[in-house]
Protein backbone atom coordinates (compact mmCIF):
# COMPACT_ATOMS: atom_id res chain seq x y z
CA MET A 1 20.23 -11.82 14.90
CA SER A 2 18.83 -15.34 14.60
CA ASN A 3 17.91 -16.72 11.22
CA LEU A 4 14.36 -17.72 10.46
CA PRO A 5 13.71 -21.46 10.80
CA VAL A 6 14.19 -22.67 7.25
CA ASN A 7 15.33 -26.10 6.14
CA GLU A 8 19.11 -26.38 6.29
CA ALA A 9 19.53 -28.34 3.06
CA PRO A 10 17.59 -28.43 -0.21
CA LEU A 11 14.94 -31.13 -0.40
CA HIS A 12 14.58 -33.38 -3.43
CA VAL A 13 11.08 -33.18 -4.96
CA ILE A 14 9.40 -34.62 -8.02
CA SER A 15 6.83 -32.19 -9.38
CA SER A 16 3.63 -33.37 -11.05
CA LYS A 17 4.14 -30.65 -13.66
CA LYS A 18 7.26 -29.19 -15.17
CA ILE A 19 8.95 -26.38 -13.29
CA LEU A 20 12.12 -24.96 -14.84
CA GLY A 21 11.61 -27.44 -17.66
CA THR A 22 11.81 -30.56 -15.52
CA THR A 23 9.82 -32.58 -13.00
CA ASP A 24 12.94 -33.47 -11.01
CA LEU A 25 14.26 -30.59 -8.90
CA PHE A 26 15.06 -29.29 -5.43
CA ILE A 27 13.23 -26.91 -3.11
CA LEU A 28 14.12 -24.47 -0.33
CA ILE A 29 11.91 -22.43 2.01
CA ASN A 30 12.71 -18.73 1.72
CA PRO A 31 12.61 -16.52 4.85
CA ASN A 32 9.43 -14.83 3.60
CA ARG A 33 7.56 -18.17 3.39
CA SER A 34 7.84 -18.40 -0.37
CA LEU A 35 9.42 -21.43 -2.01
CA GLN A 36 12.44 -21.55 -4.28
CA PHE A 37 12.71 -24.30 -6.90
CA PHE A 38 16.13 -24.86 -8.44
CA ILE A 39 18.39 -27.22 -10.36
CA PRO A 40 21.92 -26.86 -8.92
CA ALA A 41 23.78 -28.18 -11.97
CA GLN A 42 22.05 -25.74 -14.31
CA GLN A 43 22.03 -22.82 -11.85
CA ALA A 44 18.37 -22.41 -12.76
CA LYS A 45 15.94 -21.20 -10.11
CA GLU A 46 12.45 -19.83 -9.72
CA SER A 47 10.62 -18.50 -6.66
CA THR A 48 6.94 -18.55 -5.90
CA GLY A 49 5.09 -15.67 -4.35
CA GLN A 50 3.30 -16.17 -1.08
CA ILE A 51 1.97 -19.62 -0.21
CA ILE A 52 -1.68 -19.51 0.80
CA GLU A 53 -2.50 -23.19 1.22
CA ILE A 54 -0.59 -26.45 1.66
CA THR A 55 -2.48 -29.75 1.96
CA LEU A 56 -1.39 -33.36 2.00
CA ASP A 57 -2.42 -35.23 -1.12
CA GLU A 58 -4.99 -37.88 -0.17
CA LYS A 59 -4.14 -40.24 -3.02
CA ASP A 60 -0.39 -39.89 -3.45
CA ASN A 61 2.11 -40.78 -0.73
CA TYR A 62 4.81 -38.21 0.10
CA ALA A 63 2.96 -35.52 -1.91
CA VAL A 64 1.49 -32.09 -1.09
CA ASN A 65 -0.75 -29.74 -3.05
CA ILE A 66 0.37 -26.11 -2.91
CA VAL A 67 -1.69 -23.04 -3.80
CA TYR A 68 0.42 -19.91 -4.29
CA PHE A 69 0.62 -16.56 -6.00
CA SER A 70 3.16 -15.53 -8.58
CA LYS A 71 6.10 -13.50 -7.33
CA VAL A 72 4.55 -10.28 -8.67
CA ARG A 73 0.94 -10.36 -7.52
CA LYS A 74 -1.92 -7.98 -8.19
CA ILE A 75 -5.21 -7.66 -6.35
CA GLY A 76 -7.67 -10.16 -7.75
CA GLU A 77 -5.04 -12.48 -9.23
CA ILE A 78 -6.05 -16.14 -9.51
CA PRO A 79 -3.75 -18.34 -7.39
CA LYS A 80 -1.59 -20.97 -9.06
CA GLN A 81 -1.46 -24.63 -8.04
CA VAL A 82 1.20 -27.31 -8.12
CA LYS A 83 1.58 -30.80 -6.65
CA LEU A 84 4.99 -31.67 -5.23
CA LYS A 85 6.02 -35.25 -4.52
CA PHE A 86 8.96 -35.75 -2.16
CA ASP A 87 11.38 -38.63 -2.55
CA SER A 88 10.87 -39.82 1.02
CA SER A 89 8.52 -39.45 3.95
CA LYS A 90 11.40 -37.98 5.93
CA ASN A 91 11.81 -35.11 3.47
CA LEU A 92 8.07 -34.51 3.38
CA ASP A 93 7.87 -34.36 7.18
CA HIS A 94 10.93 -32.10 7.27
CA PHE A 95 9.35 -29.73 4.74
CA MET A 96 6.01 -29.51 6.59
CA ALA A 97 7.66 -28.97 9.96
CA ASN A 98 9.98 -26.23 8.71
CA TYR A 99 7.28 -24.44 6.73
CA SER A 100 4.90 -24.39 9.71
CA SER A 101 7.71 -23.16 11.95
CA ALA A 102 8.66 -20.36 9.56
CA ALA A 103 5.04 -19.30 9.17
CA SER A 104 4.25 -19.18 12.87
CA ASN A 105 7.47 -17.58 14.09
CA ILE A 106 8.13 -15.05 11.34
CA ASN A 107 7.00 -11.96 13.25
CA SER A 108 8.74 -12.68 16.53
CA MET A 109 11.96 -13.57 14.73
CA MET A 110 11.87 -10.30 12.81
CA GLU A 111 11.63 -8.39 16.12
CA LEU A 112 8.84 -6.24 14.76
CA LYS A 113 6.85 -4.08 17.11
CA ARG A 114 3.46 -5.58 17.93
CA ARG A 115 0.41 -4.14 19.68
CA ASN A 116 -2.71 -6.22 20.21
CA ASP A 117 -1.60 -8.66 17.51
CA LYS A 118 -0.99 -5.81 15.04
CA ILE A 119 2.32 -5.44 13.22
CA LEU A 120 3.66 -1.89 13.32
CA ILE A 121 6.54 -0.51 11.27
CA THR A 122 8.16 2.92 11.34
CA VAL A 123 8.70 5.07 8.25
CA PHE A 124 11.00 8.10 8.21
CA VAL A 125 10.01 10.56 5.48
CA ALA A 126 12.05 13.56 4.34
CA THR A 127 11.21 16.04 1.60
CA PHE A 128 13.51 18.76 0.31
CA ASN A 129 13.31 21.23 -2.55
CA MET A 130 17.06 21.36 -3.09
CA GLY A 131 17.10 24.52 -5.20
CA ASN A 132 19.32 22.69 -7.72
CA LYS A 133 22.23 22.78 -5.28
CA ALA A 134 24.43 19.85 -4.30
CA PRO A 135 23.90 18.42 -0.80
CA LYS A 136 26.47 19.26 1.85
CA GLU A 137 27.51 17.69 5.13
CA GLU A 138 24.43 19.03 6.97
CA PHE A 139 22.22 17.05 4.58
CA LYS A 140 24.17 13.85 5.27
CA GLN A 141 23.89 14.51 9.00
CA MET A 142 20.11 14.76 8.66
CA LEU A 143 20.10 11.26 7.13
CA LYS A 144 22.45 9.90 9.79
CA ASP A 145 20.24 11.30 12.54
CA ALA A 146 17.25 9.61 10.91
CA ALA A 147 19.05 6.26 10.67
CA ALA A 148 20.03 6.53 14.34
CA LYS A 149 16.32 6.29 15.19
CA LYS A 150 16.26 2.93 13.37
CA PRO A 151 13.13 3.35 11.25
CA ASP A 152 12.13 0.30 9.23
CA ILE A 153 11.79 2.35 6.02
CA ILE A 154 13.44 5.60 4.90
CA PHE A 155 11.68 7.57 2.15
CA TYR A 156 13.38 10.61 0.62
CA ALA A 157 11.55 12.94 -1.78
CA ALA A 158 13.46 15.66 -3.62
CA GLN A 159 12.47 18.48 -5.93
CA GLU A 160 14.69 20.81 -7.99
CA ALA A 161 17.48 18.26 -7.56
CA ASP A 162 19.33 18.92 -10.83
CA TYR A 163 22.71 20.41 -9.93
CA GLY A 164 24.83 19.07 -12.78
CA SER A 165 25.18 16.38 -15.42
CA SER A 166 25.89 13.68 -12.82
CA SER A 167 23.51 14.96 -10.14
CA VAL A 168 21.08 12.03 -10.38
CA GLU A 169 23.65 9.37 -9.54
CA ASP A 170 25.49 11.69 -7.16
CA LEU A 171 22.37 12.20 -5.02
CA PHE A 172 21.47 8.52 -5.08
CA ASN A 173 25.02 7.57 -4.12
CA THR A 174 25.15 10.19 -1.36
CA ILE A 175 22.02 8.74 0.24
CA THR A 176 22.82 5.06 -0.20
CA THR A 177 26.43 5.32 0.96
CA THR A 178 25.41 7.35 4.01
CA LEU A 179 22.93 4.64 5.02
CA GLU A 180 24.46 1.49 3.51
CA ASN A 181 25.35 -0.31 6.75
CA SER A 182 21.79 -1.09 7.85
CA TYR A 183 19.62 -0.35 4.82
CA SER A 184 19.09 -1.66 1.30
CA CYS A 185 17.95 0.66 -1.47
CA ILE A 186 14.91 -0.84 -3.18
CA VAL A 187 13.80 2.12 -5.35
CA LYS A 188 15.75 4.91 -7.05
CA SER A 189 13.58 6.92 -9.42
CA ASN A 190 13.85 10.31 -11.09
CA PHE A 191 11.69 12.45 -13.36
CA TRP A 192 13.00 15.77 -14.60
CA GLU A 193 14.17 17.49 -11.39
CA MET A 194 12.24 15.22 -9.01
CA ARG A 195 13.79 12.29 -7.17
CA LEU A 196 12.48 9.44 -5.04
CA VAL A 197 14.63 7.12 -2.96
CA LEU A 198 13.27 4.27 -0.85
CA LEU A 199 15.39 2.25 1.57
CA ILE A 200 14.44 -0.58 3.92
CA LYS A 201 16.20 -2.32 6.76
CA LYS A 202 18.20 -5.21 5.37
CA ARG A 203 16.49 -7.69 7.68
CA LEU A 204 13.11 -6.74 6.17
CA GLU A 205 14.16 -6.84 2.52
CA ALA A 206 12.98 -10.44 2.07
CA PHE A 207 9.44 -9.35 2.91
CA VAL A 208 9.18 -6.75 0.15
CA SER A 209 7.48 -7.66 -3.13
CA ASN A 210 5.63 -6.17 -6.11
CA VAL A 211 7.88 -3.11 -6.43
CA VAL A 212 6.62 -0.69 -9.10
CA ALA A 213 7.68 2.89 -9.91
CA SER A 214 5.98 5.39 -12.21
CA THR A 215 5.76 9.11 -12.99
CA GLU A 216 3.12 11.65 -13.94
CA ALA A 217 3.68 15.11 -15.46
CA THR A 218 1.39 18.00 -14.51
CA GLY A 219 3.48 20.91 -15.82
CA ILE A 220 2.89 23.06 -18.90
CA LEU A 221 -0.03 21.62 -20.95
CA GLY A 222 -0.02 18.65 -18.59
CA LEU A 223 2.99 17.30 -20.48
CA MET A 224 6.05 18.95 -18.97
CA GLY A 225 7.74 17.30 -16.03
CA ASN A 226 8.76 20.49 -14.26
CA LYS A 227 5.75 19.72 -12.05
CA GLY A 228 4.19 16.36 -11.27
CA GLY A 229 4.94 13.28 -9.23
CA VAL A 230 7.13 10.21 -8.87
CA VAL A 231 5.44 7.21 -7.25
CA ALA A 232 6.87 3.98 -5.88
CA CYS A 233 4.64 1.14 -4.72
CA LEU A 234 5.44 -2.10 -2.95
CA ASN A 235 4.08 -4.75 -0.65
CA ILE A 236 5.62 -4.97 2.80
CA PHE A 237 4.41 -8.30 4.13
CA ASP A 238 0.83 -8.25 2.76
CA SER A 239 0.16 -4.51 2.84
CA PRO A 240 0.48 -2.59 -0.44
CA ILE A 241 1.96 0.86 0.27
CA ALA A 242 2.49 3.79 -2.10
CA PHE A 243 5.11 6.52 -1.70
CA VAL A 244 4.68 9.79 -3.61
CA SER A 245 7.27 12.50 -4.25
CA SER A 246 5.62 15.51 -5.89
CA HIS A 247 6.17 19.10 -6.94
CA LEU A 248 2.90 20.94 -7.46
CA ASN A 249 2.07 24.20 -9.22
CA ALA A 250 3.68 27.32 -7.77
CA HIS A 251 2.61 30.88 -6.87
CA GLN A 252 0.21 32.30 -4.31
CA GLY A 253 -2.93 32.39 -6.45
CA ASN A 254 -2.72 28.97 -8.13
CA VAL A 255 -4.64 27.03 -5.50
CA GLN A 256 -6.97 25.36 -8.01
CA ARG A 257 -4.03 24.34 -10.20
CA ARG A 258 -2.44 22.61 -7.22
CA ASN A 259 -5.70 20.79 -6.50
CA GLU A 260 -5.83 19.65 -10.12
CA ASP A 261 -2.20 18.47 -9.97
CA PHE A 262 -3.06 16.29 -6.99
CA LYS A 263 -6.06 14.77 -8.77
CA SER A 264 -4.06 14.14 -11.95
CA ILE A 265 -1.33 12.28 -10.09
CA CYS A 266 -3.90 10.16 -8.25
CA THR A 267 -6.04 9.22 -11.24
CA MET A 268 -3.71 9.30 -14.24
CA ILE A 269 -0.51 7.66 -13.05
CA ASP A 270 -0.04 4.12 -14.38
CA LEU A 271 0.79 1.72 -11.55
CA ASP A 272 -0.04 -1.46 -13.50
CA ASN A 273 -2.75 -2.27 -10.95
CA PRO A 274 -6.10 -2.07 -12.77
CA PRO A 275 -8.83 -1.27 -11.93
CA PHE A 276 -7.36 0.56 -8.95
CA ASP A 277 -5.88 4.03 -8.80
CA LEU A 278 -3.37 5.43 -6.35
CA LEU A 279 -5.85 5.90 -3.52
CA SER A 280 -8.01 2.80 -3.85
CA GLY A 281 -5.33 0.16 -4.31
CA TYR A 282 -2.98 0.76 -1.37
CA HIS A 283 -3.39 0.34 2.37
CA HIS A 284 -1.27 3.43 3.00
CA VAL A 285 -0.29 6.31 0.72
CA ILE A 286 2.58 8.41 2.08
CA TRP A 287 2.86 11.70 0.19
CA ALA A 288 5.79 14.10 0.49
CA GLY A 289 6.99 17.04 -1.53
CA ASP A 290 6.93 20.72 -2.33
CA LEU A 291 3.15 21.04 -2.52
CA ASN A 292 3.45 24.82 -2.89
CA TYR A 293 0.34 25.70 -0.88
CA ARG A 294 0.85 29.12 0.67
CA ILE A 295 -0.37 31.12 3.69
CA ASP A 296 -3.01 33.78 3.00
CA LYS A 297 -1.45 36.47 5.18
CA THR A 298 0.95 39.33 4.57
CA PHE A 299 4.71 38.89 4.68
CA GLN A 300 5.01 40.82 7.94
CA GLU A 301 2.13 38.96 9.60
CA VAL A 302 3.81 35.64 8.90
CA VAL A 303 7.23 36.87 10.04
CA ASP A 304 5.81 38.29 13.28
CA ALA A 305 3.88 35.09 14.06
CA THR A 306 6.98 33.02 13.29
CA GLN A 307 9.22 35.07 15.56
CA SER A 308 6.75 34.59 18.42
CA GLN A 309 6.34 30.91 17.46
CA ASN A 310 2.60 31.46 17.22
CA PHE A 311 2.17 28.88 14.47
CA ASP A 312 -1.43 28.09 15.43
CA SER A 313 -2.48 31.59 14.42
CA MET A 314 -1.24 31.02 10.86
CA PHE A 315 -2.55 27.51 10.26
CA PRO A 316 -6.21 28.52 9.67
CA GLU A 317 -4.95 30.59 6.71
CA ASP A 318 -2.79 27.79 5.32
CA GLN A 319 -4.16 27.06 1.84
CA LEU A 320 -3.73 23.29 2.08
CA ASN A 321 -5.55 23.19 5.40
CA LYS A 322 -8.42 25.23 3.97
CA GLN A 323 -8.71 23.16 0.79
CA MET A 324 -8.68 19.89 2.75
CA LYS A 325 -11.47 21.14 5.01
CA LEU A 326 -13.52 22.00 1.91
CA GLY A 327 -12.91 18.50 0.54
CA LYS A 328 -11.20 19.82 -2.59
CA THR A 329 -7.84 18.09 -2.26
CA PHE A 330 -5.97 15.41 -0.30
CA ASN A 331 -9.24 13.82 0.76
CA SER A 332 -8.88 11.65 3.88
CA PHE A 333 -5.17 12.49 4.24
CA ILE A 334 -3.81 13.62 7.59
CA GLU A 335 -0.52 15.15 8.70
CA GLY A 336 1.24 15.73 11.97
CA LYS A 337 0.80 18.94 13.90
CA ILE A 338 2.87 21.75 12.38
CA ASN A 339 4.94 23.22 15.17
CA PHE A 340 7.76 24.68 13.11
CA ALA A 341 8.42 27.79 11.06
CA PRO A 342 7.36 28.10 7.41
CA THR A 343 9.99 26.39 5.26
CA TYR A 344 9.99 28.81 2.29
CA LYS A 345 11.33 31.28 1.13
CA PHE A 346 14.80 31.85 2.61
CA LYS A 347 17.88 33.65 1.43
CA LYS A 348 20.16 30.80 0.45
CA GLY A 349 22.82 30.05 3.04
CA THR A 350 20.80 31.69 5.84
CA THR A 351 17.77 31.18 8.06
CA LYS A 352 16.35 34.59 7.10
CA TYR A 353 13.25 34.95 4.94
CA ASP A 354 13.80 36.65 1.58
CA ALA A 355 11.87 39.92 1.85
CA GLU A 356 13.14 41.15 -1.52
CA SER A 357 11.48 38.32 -3.44
CA LYS A 358 8.02 39.41 -2.23
CA ARG A 359 7.25 35.75 -1.51
CA ILE A 360 5.14 35.31 1.63
CA PRO A 361 6.74 32.63 3.83
CA ALA A 362 4.77 29.39 3.69
CA TRP A 363 4.67 25.73 4.63
CA CYS A 364 5.22 24.61 1.05
CA ASP A 365 6.97 21.39 2.06
CA ARG A 366 4.68 18.77 3.59
CA VAL A 367 4.33 15.12 4.55
CA LEU A 368 0.86 13.55 4.60
CA ILE A 369 -0.58 10.05 4.85
CA ARG A 370 -3.83 8.36 3.88
CA SER A 371 -4.73 4.90 5.21
CA PHE A 372 -7.55 2.44 4.81
CA GLU A 373 -10.05 2.66 7.65
CA GLY A 374 -9.15 0.43 10.56
CA LEU A 375 -5.38 0.58 10.04
CA GLU A 376 -3.34 2.35 12.68
CA ARG A 377 -1.11 5.31 11.81
CA THR A 378 0.60 7.54 14.34
CA CYS A 379 2.80 10.56 13.73
CA LEU A 380 5.79 10.25 16.05
CA SER A 381 7.52 13.46 14.90
CA TYR A 382 7.11 16.28 12.37
CA SER A 383 9.76 18.95 12.00
CA HIS A 384 11.95 21.05 9.75
CA HIS A 385 15.75 21.09 9.47
CA ASP A 386 17.02 24.67 9.51
CA SER A 387 20.65 23.54 9.59
CA VAL A 388 20.38 22.69 5.87
CA THR A 389 20.57 26.09 4.15
CA THR A 390 21.77 25.37 0.61
CA SER A 391 18.31 26.07 -0.84
CA ASP A 392 15.57 28.67 -0.45
CA HIS A 393 13.58 25.82 1.16
CA HIS A 394 14.39 23.96 4.36
CA PRO A 395 13.88 20.18 4.48
CA VAL A 396 10.89 18.75 6.34
CA SER A 397 10.76 15.30 7.90
CA ALA A 398 8.23 13.11 9.66
CA MET A 399 8.32 9.77 11.43
CA TRP A 400 5.19 7.65 11.07
CA GLU A 401 4.31 4.38 12.72
CA ILE A 402 1.91 2.41 10.53
CA GLU A 403 0.13 -0.91 10.76
CA VAL A 404 0.78 -3.55 8.12
CA CYS A 405 -1.02 -6.81 7.50
CA ASN A 406 0.63 -10.20 7.59
CA THR A 407 -1.33 -13.17 6.30
CA PRO A 408 -1.55 -16.04 8.78
CA PRO A 409 -0.15 -19.46 7.91
CA ALA A 410 -1.97 -21.53 5.32
CA ALA A 411 -5.24 -22.53 6.96
CA ALA A 412 -6.10 -25.93 5.55
CA PRO A 413 -3.86 -28.07 7.80
CA PHE A 414 -5.14 -26.20 10.87
CA ALA A 415 -8.78 -26.27 9.71
CA SER A 416 -8.62 -30.03 9.36
CA ILE A 417 -7.57 -30.24 13.00
CA ILE A 418 -10.08 -27.85 14.57
CA GLY A 419 -12.84 -28.79 12.13
CA VAL A 420 -14.22 -25.30 11.40
CA ARG A 421 -13.28 -22.16 9.47
CA PRO A 422 -14.61 -18.61 9.25
CA TYR A 423 -16.09 -16.86 6.23
CA ALA A 424 -18.02 -13.65 5.51
CA GLU A 425 -21.59 -13.51 4.23
CA ILE A 426 -23.21 -10.49 2.53
CA SER A 427 -26.90 -9.67 2.19
CA ASN A 428 -28.93 -6.77 0.76
CA LEU A 429 -26.10 -5.58 -1.50
CA THR A 430 -27.38 -2.38 -3.12
CA LEU A 431 -25.88 0.38 -5.26
CA ASP A 432 -27.64 3.76 -5.39
CA ILE A 433 -26.23 6.42 -7.73
CA GLY A 434 -29.23 8.78 -7.64
CA ALA A 435 -29.32 8.96 -11.43
CA PRO A 436 -30.51 6.70 -14.26
CA ILE A 437 -28.46 3.52 -14.59
CA GLU A 438 -28.08 2.29 -18.15
CA SER A 439 -25.83 -0.64 -17.28
CA VAL A 440 -24.16 -1.96 -14.15
CA LYS A 441 -21.85 -4.80 -13.26
CA CYS A 442 -20.35 -5.64 -9.88
CA GLN A 443 -17.20 -7.53 -9.05
CA ILE A 444 -16.21 -8.35 -5.49
CA ILE A 445 -12.48 -8.56 -5.04
CA TRP A 446 -11.69 -10.52 -1.92
CA PRO A 447 -8.12 -11.09 -0.76
CA PHE A 448 -6.66 -14.24 -2.25
CA SER A 449 -9.57 -15.09 -4.54
CA ASP A 450 -10.60 -14.68 -8.15
CA PHE A 451 -12.77 -11.84 -9.45
CA LEU A 452 -16.33 -12.74 -8.49
CA ASN A 453 -19.06 -11.61 -10.88
CA CYS A 454 -22.26 -10.80 -9.04
CA ALA A 455 -24.69 -9.62 -11.70
CA SER A 456 -25.17 -7.27 -14.63
CA GLY A 457 -28.04 -5.57 -16.38
CA LYS A 458 -30.10 -2.38 -16.46
CA GLY A 459 -31.72 -0.38 -13.70
CA ARG A 460 -32.98 3.04 -12.76
CA LYS A 461 -31.50 4.86 -9.79
CA TYR A 462 -30.42 1.86 -7.75
CA VAL A 463 -30.00 -1.88 -8.06
CA GLN A 464 -30.01 -4.72 -5.56
CA TRP A 465 -28.48 -8.16 -5.95
CA PRO A 466 -30.42 -11.18 -4.60
CA ASP A 467 -28.63 -12.61 -1.58
CA ASP A 468 -28.09 -16.07 -3.02
CA THR A 469 -26.27 -14.64 -6.05
CA VAL A 470 -23.63 -12.84 -3.97
CA PRO A 471 -20.71 -15.23 -3.36
CA LEU A 472 -19.56 -16.18 0.08
CA LEU A 473 -16.21 -14.63 1.00
CA VAL A 474 -14.17 -17.65 2.00
CA PRO A 475 -10.46 -16.98 2.58
CA THR A 476 -8.14 -19.93 2.25
CA ASN A 477 -5.74 -18.63 4.85
CA ALA A 478 -7.76 -17.43 7.86
CA ILE A 479 -8.25 -19.71 10.83
CA SER A 480 -10.16 -17.25 13.04
CA THR A 481 -12.40 -14.20 12.71
CA ASN A 482 -9.54 -12.12 14.13
CA HIS A 483 -7.63 -12.82 10.92
CA LEU A 484 -10.63 -11.77 8.84
CA LYS A 485 -10.87 -8.49 10.72
CA THR A 486 -7.53 -7.42 9.24
CA GLN A 487 -8.84 -7.70 5.67
CA PHE A 488 -10.61 -5.40 3.21
CA VAL A 489 -13.19 -6.08 0.52
CA HIS A 490 -13.13 -4.10 -2.75
CA PHE A 491 -16.36 -3.63 -4.68
CA VAL A 492 -15.78 -2.68 -8.31
CA PHE A 493 -18.88 -1.32 -10.05
CA ILE A 494 -18.88 -0.67 -13.77
CA VAL A 495 -21.73 1.85 -13.95
CA ASN A 496 -22.65 3.55 -17.22
CA GLU A 497 -19.15 2.67 -18.49
CA LYS A 498 -17.46 4.27 -15.47
CA THR A 499 -15.47 2.15 -13.01
CA ALA A 500 -16.33 3.08 -9.43
CA ILE A 501 -14.64 1.50 -6.43
CA ALA A 502 -15.84 1.10 -2.84
CA ILE A 503 -13.72 -0.28 0.00
CA LEU A 504 -15.13 -2.08 3.03
CA PRO A 505 -12.89 -2.63 6.07
CA LEU A 506 -13.84 -5.69 8.10
CA HIS A 507 -12.46 -4.74 11.51
CA THR A 508 -15.92 -4.08 13.04
CA VAL A 509 -17.87 -6.93 11.43
CA PRO A 510 -19.60 -9.10 14.10
CA VAL A 511 -19.96 -12.88 14.25
CA ASP A 512 -23.37 -14.40 13.37
CA VAL A 513 -25.30 -11.10 13.54
CA PHE A 514 -25.55 -8.99 10.38
CA LYS A 515 -24.30 -5.41 10.59
CA GLN A 516 -25.28 -2.74 8.07
CA PHE A 517 -22.66 -0.65 6.29
CA LYS A 518 -22.89 2.27 3.89
CA ILE A 519 -19.75 3.10 1.93
CA ASN A 520 -18.92 5.53 -0.86
CA ALA A 521 -18.28 4.39 -4.42
CA GLU A 522 -15.83 6.73 -6.17
CA TYR A 523 -14.82 7.31 -9.77
CA LYS A 524 -11.60 9.32 -10.19
CA LEU A 525 -11.91 10.70 -6.64
CA GLU A 526 -15.51 11.82 -7.27
CA HIS A 527 -18.46 10.36 -5.35
CA ILE A 528 -20.59 8.39 -7.80
CA GLY A 529 -22.90 6.45 -5.50
CA THR A 530 -23.56 4.76 -2.16
CA VAL A 531 -23.16 1.06 -1.50
CA SER A 532 -25.39 -0.46 1.19
CA LEU A 533 -24.99 -3.97 2.52
CA ASN A 534 -25.27 -6.20 5.54
CA ILE A 535 -22.36 -8.44 6.44
CA ARG A 536 -21.46 -10.93 9.15
CA PHE A 537 -18.82 -13.51 9.95
CA VAL A 538 -19.82 -17.15 10.19
CA VAL A 539 -17.76 -20.02 11.59
CA ALA A 540 -18.72 -23.36 10.07
CA SER A 541 -17.46 -26.75 9.04
CA GLU A 542 -15.57 -27.24 5.80
CA SER A 543 -18.41 -29.30 4.33
CA HIS A 544 -20.99 -26.63 5.16
CA ILE A 545 -18.85 -23.90 3.59
CA LYS A 546 -18.36 -25.89 0.39
CA GLU A 547 -22.09 -26.65 0.18
CA GLN A 548 -23.11 -23.01 0.66
CA ALA A 549 -20.44 -21.67 -1.69
CA LEU A 550 -21.57 -24.06 -4.44
CA ARG A 551 -25.20 -23.03 -3.94
CA HIS A 552 -24.33 -19.34 -4.31
CA GLN A 553 -22.19 -20.05 -7.36
CA LYS A 554 -25.01 -21.91 -9.11
CA ALA A 555 -27.54 -19.21 -8.22
CA ASN A 556 -25.25 -16.53 -9.62
CA GLU A 557 -24.73 -18.43 -12.88
CA ALA A 558 -28.49 -18.94 -13.31
CA HIS A 559 -29.53 -15.46 -12.19
CA THR A 560 -31.44 -13.15 -14.51
CA PHE A 561 -30.82 -9.57 -13.41
CA HIS A 562 -33.79 -7.47 -12.38
CA THR A 563 -34.03 -3.90 -11.14
CA LEU A 564 -35.84 -2.10 -8.37
């Protein structure tokens, strides 16, 4: 495969501030559009995160001003800035040409699937309660079959995976060695008997950032790790994605306990991404595991329906399906159509259900996904693997195709050519919680900008912010409204000392004409209020945008909060 168009040799630059302890260093363009500063003699190096703006310095020849994020970036982070001075006009021109080429050709060079300008990646997900038994050749074949379909990401979730003192490394090694030719392992995590393994195609590894893994116990007293979840989060291009491997509370009657386990994992797990939780901070959440929801039928009814492959007759009595319809768990998650036999409980080494255990066969093992509104997700397959019989569960796998966002090239050089840029404007921003408000504060978190304070103060049941105090949403890296339509706005409301979050997708926002939206504000998965607003896209000159943004900023600073 062809390499991305990066400069062939390091370029000599003189920084206006010290990087790596010196102002005299070299620079390379990484395949993912970040920059790498280094001093060859000292073997010292440092990489930036994503570049969001590069402009020629108006006063200094051979110099550019670069706005970038740190390598590990969180939502709402303030971008960093540095001025780089090249030692010749030739090197400056070479840098600008290669960076623009890398930025504009990155997707086609990566051979990613595209549909209507959307980037789509495939994720193979497998979950298996291993029954504390070592994997055999059938398990490896399942992985090989998955790799043969060439998914971009492989996510394996395991439960009851403790089959000896070296079982953790043995399982990790089994998976990675089976798939090592085309995939790189980016996460290996374990918690008690749970495991999570995440692999990505080697050609995509350069576009992964912000990898974080964490665990949450929901077992006895909420402290024991016999039940709970392992979570891995990362950015692929510019989409944050979370992967969850979980083992929820067992037994037929413990439906509410399972619901509580789900909520605890979502709201209590520490992903180092405040103020967001698992569901509000990630474009996609892919959840796999032994969820332990059962079927509310008799043993014989389930066996008879399974033998006749009448799975549709059982699904209405599936506990997870019923709880999701009632809005009590896995809110806004979806899964593929179940067209396979219940995956628990079997006699080990067979495909026969264990009648002696008095366990009603059930679809305990599931794969679900939740995505921000406006992002595509398609289930390409959903099945079980009855050739793997070492456990009383059979593995379940799914293949999902999901949309990810990729920020366009830095806009400033292009904006200076075409003369105009887009931004978003909000009016009539209102929060209604239907109960007395003692204090409220709003922050708008817009991609690639600082936290923006709107107002604070006291109110009654709802508050409204004057239009001129709400900041314009001006991205530094969008050159058309089509780019804006791929973004999301987070509203963070601190209401009566509770942090509620509302998410607004921009894919249906019109140009020039305001459109009204009403979105839910949630605190720990609970509805706390309704956010109403009007929003539109505007395309204007750089001078007009700066003038309007400054006016809003001054109005916000001078504003005295009042209530309605």
